Amino acid sequence: MESYLPEALLWRELRARPSGLKFTRQRATGKYVHAFYCRDARLAIEIEDATVDAEREEWLGRAGIATMTLSRRSVIDGSRHAAQQVIARAMDLLPRDHPALSRLAMTNPRGSQS
């Protein structure tokens, strides 16, 4: 159950489509299954304590998919903060004409940090 807890906590934050981004759970790409995936940003998110699988990251990179790995502990200690990190990374990867970026510009027209 403990290995499932971080995924459940992060999913609680991501399933609400923060910033208009859609995340899916347990999405497969080739032989790899991601804990979460944002199609628009082409971002695969993993939650693990083990070292990053370089072969996996290389394969996904060739497929044009960015990866982000969060530790289980960081998600358990702060799922909202972990979700904010995921959202920020996804926003950085979005195409410039994505509607989520337009909404962000409308809520923060001068680009100031709030």
N, C-alpha and C. Protein backbone atom coordinates (compact mmCIF):
# COMPACT_ATOMS: atom_id res chain seq x y z
N MET A 1 0.82 -1.20 0.00
CA MET A 1 0.00 0.00 0.00
C MET A 1 0.87 1.26 0.00
N GLU A 2 2.02 1.22 0.71
CA GLU A 2 2.85 2.41 0.79
C GLU A 2 3.37 2.85 -0.58
N SER A 3 3.68 1.91 -1.46
CA SER A 3 4.17 2.30 -2.79
C SER A 3 3.07 2.94 -3.62
N TYR A 4 1.82 2.66 -3.30
CA TYR A 4 0.70 3.25 -4.02
C TYR A 4 0.37 4.64 -3.50
N LEU A 5 0.64 4.92 -2.24
CA LEU A 5 0.27 6.19 -1.61
C LEU A 5 0.77 7.42 -2.37
N PRO A 6 2.04 7.50 -2.76
CA PRO A 6 2.49 8.70 -3.48
C PRO A 6 1.73 8.92 -4.78
N GLU A 7 1.46 7.85 -5.52
CA GLU A 7 0.70 8.00 -6.76
C GLU A 7 -0.71 8.51 -6.48
N ALA A 8 -1.35 7.97 -5.45
CA ALA A 8 -2.71 8.41 -5.11
C ALA A 8 -2.71 9.88 -4.70
N LEU A 9 -1.73 10.29 -3.92
CA LEU A 9 -1.66 11.69 -3.49
C LEU A 9 -1.43 12.63 -4.66
N LEU A 10 -0.51 12.27 -5.56
CA LEU A 10 -0.24 13.14 -6.70
C LEU A 10 -1.42 13.15 -7.66
N TRP A 11 -2.06 12.01 -7.86
CA TRP A 11 -3.21 11.94 -8.75
C TRP A 11 -4.34 12.82 -8.24
N ARG A 12 -4.52 12.89 -6.93
CA ARG A 12 -5.55 13.75 -6.35
C ARG A 12 -5.34 15.20 -6.80
N GLU A 13 -4.10 15.61 -6.93
CA GLU A 13 -3.80 16.98 -7.36
C GLU A 13 -3.91 17.15 -8.88
N LEU A 14 -3.43 16.16 -9.64
CA LEU A 14 -3.35 16.31 -11.10
C LEU A 14 -4.65 16.04 -11.83
N ARG A 15 -5.52 15.24 -11.27
CA ARG A 15 -6.74 14.88 -12.00
C ARG A 15 -7.71 16.04 -12.15
N ALA A 16 -7.52 17.10 -11.39
CA ALA A 16 -8.39 18.28 -11.48
C ALA A 16 -8.03 19.17 -12.68
N ARG A 17 -7.09 18.71 -13.50
CA ARG A 17 -6.63 19.46 -14.68
C ARG A 17 -6.12 20.85 -14.32
N PRO A 18 -5.14 20.92 -13.46
CA PRO A 18 -4.59 22.22 -13.08
C PRO A 18 -4.05 22.97 -14.29
N SER A 19 -4.31 24.25 -14.34
CA SER A 19 -3.88 25.11 -15.46
C SER A 19 -4.41 24.63 -16.80
N GLY A 20 -5.46 23.80 -16.78
CA GLY A 20 -6.05 23.31 -18.02
C GLY A 20 -5.30 22.14 -18.64
N LEU A 21 -4.35 21.58 -17.93
CA LEU A 21 -3.56 20.47 -18.45
C LEU A 21 -4.21 19.14 -18.08
N LYS A 22 -4.26 18.23 -19.04
CA LYS A 22 -4.82 16.91 -18.78
C LYS A 22 -3.69 15.91 -18.55
N PHE A 23 -3.78 15.22 -17.43
CA PHE A 23 -2.83 14.16 -17.10
C PHE A 23 -3.57 12.84 -17.09
N THR A 24 -2.88 11.79 -17.53
CA THR A 24 -3.45 10.44 -17.46
C THR A 24 -2.55 9.60 -16.57
N ARG A 25 -3.12 8.50 -16.07
CA ARG A 25 -2.36 7.58 -15.21
C ARG A 25 -2.00 6.32 -15.98
N GLN A 26 -0.88 5.74 -15.61
CA GLN A 26 -0.46 4.44 -16.15
C GLN A 26 -0.52 4.42 -17.68
N ARG A 27 0.09 5.40 -18.31
CA ARG A 27 0.11 5.52 -19.77
C ARG A 27 1.35 4.81 -20.30
N ALA A 28 1.16 3.96 -21.29
CA ALA A 28 2.27 3.21 -21.89
C ALA A 28 2.79 3.94 -23.13
N THR A 29 4.11 3.95 -23.27
CA THR A 29 4.79 4.42 -24.47
C THR A 29 5.84 3.37 -24.78
N GLY A 30 5.64 2.67 -25.89
CA GLY A 30 6.55 1.57 -26.19
C GLY A 30 6.49 0.54 -25.07
N LYS A 31 7.65 0.15 -24.57
CA LYS A 31 7.68 -0.85 -23.50
C LYS A 31 7.66 -0.23 -22.10
N TYR A 32 7.50 1.09 -22.02
CA TYR A 32 7.53 1.78 -20.74
C TYR A 32 6.14 2.26 -20.33
N VAL A 33 5.84 2.12 -19.05
CA VAL A 33 4.57 2.61 -18.50
C VAL A 33 4.90 3.73 -17.53
N HIS A 34 4.25 4.86 -17.72
CA HIS A 34 4.49 6.03 -16.88
C HIS A 34 3.45 6.11 -15.78
N ALA A 35 3.84 6.57 -14.62
CA ALA A 35 2.88 6.80 -13.54
C ALA A 35 1.85 7.82 -14.01
N PHE A 36 2.34 8.91 -14.62
CA PHE A 36 1.47 9.96 -15.15
C PHE A 36 2.05 10.45 -16.47
N TYR A 37 1.17 11.00 -17.31
CA TYR A 37 1.62 11.51 -18.60
C TYR A 37 0.76 12.70 -18.99
N CYS A 38 1.41 13.75 -19.48
CA CYS A 38 0.71 14.91 -20.02
C CYS A 38 1.00 14.93 -21.52
N ARG A 39 -0.02 14.61 -22.30
CA ARG A 39 0.16 14.48 -23.74
C ARG A 39 0.55 15.81 -24.40
N ASP A 40 -0.13 16.88 -24.01
CA ASP A 40 0.15 18.17 -24.64
C ASP A 40 1.60 18.60 -24.44
N ALA A 41 2.14 18.33 -23.27
CA ALA A 41 3.52 18.70 -22.97
C ALA A 41 4.52 17.60 -23.34
N ARG A 42 4.00 16.43 -23.68
CA ARG A 42 4.84 15.26 -23.96
C ARG A 42 5.80 15.03 -22.79
N LEU A 43 5.18 14.95 -21.59
CA LEU A 43 5.93 14.80 -20.35
C LEU A 43 5.49 13.55 -19.61
N ALA A 44 6.44 12.66 -19.34
CA ALA A 44 6.19 11.45 -18.55
C ALA A 44 6.70 11.70 -17.14
N ILE A 45 5.87 11.37 -16.15
CA ILE A 45 6.22 11.59 -14.75
C ILE A 45 6.31 10.26 -14.05
N GLU A 46 7.40 10.06 -13.31
CA GLU A 46 7.60 8.85 -12.53
C GLU A 46 7.77 9.20 -11.06
N ILE A 47 7.35 8.30 -10.21
CA ILE A 47 7.56 8.44 -8.77
C ILE A 47 8.36 7.23 -8.33
N GLU A 48 9.60 7.48 -7.90
CA GLU A 48 10.43 6.37 -7.46
C GLU A 48 11.60 6.86 -6.63
N ASP A 49 12.15 5.96 -5.86
CA ASP A 49 13.33 6.28 -5.07
C ASP A 49 14.60 5.73 -5.71
N ALA A 50 14.44 4.80 -6.62
CA ALA A 50 15.60 4.18 -7.26
C ALA A 50 16.27 5.16 -8.21
N THR A 51 17.45 4.80 -8.66
CA THR A 51 18.15 5.64 -9.61
C THR A 51 17.37 5.69 -10.92
N VAL A 52 17.56 6.75 -11.64
CA VAL A 52 16.86 6.95 -12.91
C VAL A 52 17.38 5.95 -13.93
N ASP A 53 16.48 5.37 -14.69
CA ASP A 53 16.81 4.40 -15.72
C ASP A 53 17.27 5.16 -16.98
N ALA A 54 18.58 5.21 -17.19
CA ALA A 54 19.15 5.97 -18.29
C ALA A 54 18.67 5.45 -19.65
N GLU A 55 18.56 4.13 -19.79
CA GLU A 55 18.10 3.55 -21.05
C GLU A 55 16.68 4.02 -21.35
N ARG A 56 15.83 4.02 -20.34
CA ARG A 56 14.44 4.46 -20.49
C ARG A 56 14.39 5.93 -20.91
N GLU A 57 15.16 6.77 -20.20
CA GLU A 57 15.15 8.20 -20.53
C GLU A 57 15.68 8.46 -21.93
N GLU A 58 16.69 7.72 -22.33
CA GLU A 58 17.24 7.88 -23.68
C GLU A 58 16.21 7.48 -24.73
N TRP A 59 15.54 6.36 -24.54
CA TRP A 59 14.53 5.90 -25.49
C TRP A 59 13.38 6.90 -25.59
N LEU A 60 12.90 7.37 -24.44
CA LEU A 60 11.80 8.34 -24.44
C LEU A 60 12.25 9.66 -25.07
N GLY A 61 13.47 10.08 -24.80
CA GLY A 61 13.99 11.30 -25.40
C GLY A 61 14.02 11.22 -26.92
N ARG A 62 14.41 10.07 -27.45
CA ARG A 62 14.39 9.89 -28.91
C ARG A 62 12.97 9.95 -29.45
N ALA A 63 12.00 9.58 -28.63
CA ALA A 63 10.59 9.63 -29.03
C ALA A 63 9.99 11.02 -28.80
N GLY A 64 10.80 11.96 -28.32
CA GLY A 64 10.33 13.32 -28.11
C GLY A 64 9.55 13.51 -26.82
N ILE A 65 9.77 12.62 -25.86
CA ILE A 65 9.06 12.69 -24.58
C ILE A 65 10.05 13.04 -23.48
N ALA A 66 9.75 14.13 -22.78
CA ALA A 66 10.56 14.54 -21.64
C ALA A 66 10.15 13.71 -20.43
N THR A 67 11.07 13.53 -19.50
CA THR A 67 10.76 12.77 -18.30
C THR A 67 11.04 13.61 -17.06
N MET A 68 10.28 13.29 -16.03
CA MET A 68 10.46 13.94 -14.73
C MET A 68 10.28 12.87 -13.67
N THR A 69 11.22 12.79 -12.75
CA THR A 69 11.14 11.79 -11.70
C THR A 69 11.06 12.48 -10.35
N LEU A 70 10.06 12.09 -9.57
CA LEU A 70 9.88 12.61 -8.21
C LEU A 70 10.13 11.47 -7.24
N SER A 71 10.69 11.78 -6.10
CA SER A 71 10.87 10.73 -5.10
C SER A 71 9.55 10.50 -4.37
N ARG A 72 9.36 9.29 -3.92
CA ARG A 72 8.15 8.97 -3.15
C ARG A 72 8.04 9.89 -1.94
N ARG A 73 9.16 10.07 -1.26
CA ARG A 73 9.17 10.88 -0.03
C ARG A 73 8.73 12.32 -0.32
N SER A 74 9.21 12.91 -1.42
CA SER A 74 8.84 14.30 -1.72
C SER A 74 7.35 14.44 -1.99
N VAL A 75 6.75 13.43 -2.60
CA VAL A 75 5.30 13.47 -2.86
C VAL A 75 4.53 13.27 -1.57
N ILE A 76 4.96 12.34 -0.75
CA ILE A 76 4.27 12.09 0.53
C ILE A 76 4.37 13.33 1.42
N ASP A 77 5.54 13.95 1.46
CA ASP A 77 5.73 15.12 2.32
C ASP A 77 5.02 16.37 1.81
N GLY A 78 4.75 16.43 0.51
CA GLY A 78 4.10 17.62 -0.04
C GLY A 78 3.54 17.38 -1.42
N SER A 79 2.40 16.73 -1.51
CA SER A 79 1.83 16.40 -2.81
C SER A 79 1.44 17.65 -3.60
N ARG A 80 0.98 18.67 -2.93
CA ARG A 80 0.61 19.91 -3.64
C ARG A 80 1.85 20.56 -4.25
N HIS A 81 2.93 20.61 -3.49
CA HIS A 81 4.18 21.18 -4.01
C HIS A 81 4.71 20.33 -5.17
N ALA A 82 4.65 19.01 -5.03
CA ALA A 82 5.09 18.12 -6.11
C ALA A 82 4.26 18.37 -7.37
N ALA A 83 2.96 18.53 -7.21
CA ALA A 83 2.08 18.80 -8.36
C ALA A 83 2.45 20.13 -9.00
N GLN A 84 2.76 21.13 -8.20
CA GLN A 84 3.15 22.43 -8.74
C GLN A 84 4.44 22.32 -9.55
N GLN A 85 5.36 21.47 -9.11
CA GLN A 85 6.60 21.25 -9.86
C GLN A 85 6.29 20.59 -11.21
N VAL A 86 5.40 19.60 -11.19
CA VAL A 86 5.02 18.91 -12.42
C VAL A 86 4.35 19.89 -13.38
N ILE A 87 3.44 20.69 -12.88
CA ILE A 87 2.72 21.65 -13.71
C ILE A 87 3.69 22.67 -14.32
N ALA A 88 4.62 23.17 -13.52
CA ALA A 88 5.60 24.13 -14.02
C ALA A 88 6.43 23.52 -15.14
N ARG A 89 6.86 22.29 -14.96
CA ARG A 89 7.65 21.61 -16.00
C ARG A 89 6.82 21.40 -17.26
N ALA A 90 5.57 20.98 -17.09
CA ALA A 90 4.68 20.78 -18.24
C ALA A 90 4.46 22.10 -18.98
N MET A 91 4.23 23.17 -18.25
CA MET A 91 4.01 24.48 -18.89
C MET A 91 5.23 24.90 -19.69
N ASP A 92 6.43 24.62 -19.18
CA ASP A 92 7.66 24.94 -19.91
C ASP A 92 7.77 24.18 -21.22
N LEU A 93 7.17 23.01 -21.29
CA LEU A 93 7.29 22.15 -22.47
C LEU A 93 6.18 22.35 -23.49
N LEU A 94 5.14 23.08 -23.14
CA LEU A 94 4.00 23.26 -24.05
C LEU A 94 4.39 24.06 -25.29
N PRO A 95 3.74 23.76 -26.41
CA PRO A 95 3.93 24.61 -27.60
C PRO A 95 3.46 26.04 -27.27
N ARG A 96 4.08 27.02 -27.86
CA ARG A 96 3.77 28.42 -27.56
C ARG A 96 2.30 28.79 -27.77
N ASP A 97 1.61 28.10 -28.66
CA ASP A 97 0.22 28.45 -28.95
C ASP A 97 -0.79 27.63 -28.13
N HIS A 98 -0.34 26.93 -27.13
CA HIS A 98 -1.25 26.10 -26.32
C HIS A 98 -2.18 27.00 -25.51
N PRO A 99 -3.48 26.66 -25.44
CA PRO A 99 -4.45 27.48 -24.70
C PRO A 99 -4.09 27.69 -23.23
N ALA A 100 -3.43 26.75 -22.60
CA ALA A 100 -3.07 26.91 -21.18
C ALA A 100 -2.13 28.10 -21.00
N LEU A 101 -1.26 28.34 -21.97
CA LEU A 101 -0.35 29.48 -21.88
C LEU A 101 -1.10 30.79 -22.08
N SER A 102 -2.13 30.78 -22.92
CA SER A 102 -2.97 31.97 -23.10
C SER A 102 -3.69 32.31 -21.81
N ARG A 103 -4.23 31.28 -21.14
CA ARG A 103 -4.91 31.52 -19.86
C ARG A 103 -3.94 32.06 -18.82
N LEU A 104 -2.73 31.53 -18.81
CA LEU A 104 -1.72 32.00 -17.87
C LEU A 104 -1.39 33.47 -18.13
N ALA A 105 -1.25 33.84 -19.39
CA ALA A 105 -0.94 35.23 -19.74
C ALA A 105 -2.07 36.16 -19.32
N MET A 106 -3.32 35.70 -19.42
CA MET A 106 -4.46 36.54 -19.03
C MET A 106 -4.50 36.75 -17.52
N THR A 107 -4.09 35.74 -16.74
CA THR A 107 -4.12 35.88 -15.29
C THR A 107 -2.87 36.58 -14.75
N ASN A 108 -1.83 36.66 -15.57
CA ASN A 108 -0.57 37.24 -15.15
C ASN A 108 0.00 38.05 -16.32
N PRO A 109 -0.68 39.14 -16.73
CA PRO A 109 -0.34 39.83 -17.98
C PRO A 109 1.07 40.41 -18.05
N ARG A 110 1.66 40.77 -16.95
CA ARG A 110 3.00 41.36 -16.99
C ARG A 110 4.10 40.34 -16.75
N GLY A 111 3.70 39.09 -16.53
CA GLY A 111 4.70 38.05 -16.29
C GLY A 111 5.27 38.11 -14.89
N SER A 112 4.61 38.89 -14.01
CA SER A 112 5.12 38.98 -12.64
C SER A 112 4.83 37.71 -11.88
N GLN A 113 5.67 37.43 -10.92
CA GLN A 113 5.49 36.24 -10.08
C GLN A 113 4.52 36.57 -8.97
N SER A 114 3.55 35.71 -8.74
CA SER A 114 2.61 35.95 -7.64
C SER A 114 2.70 34.90 -6.60
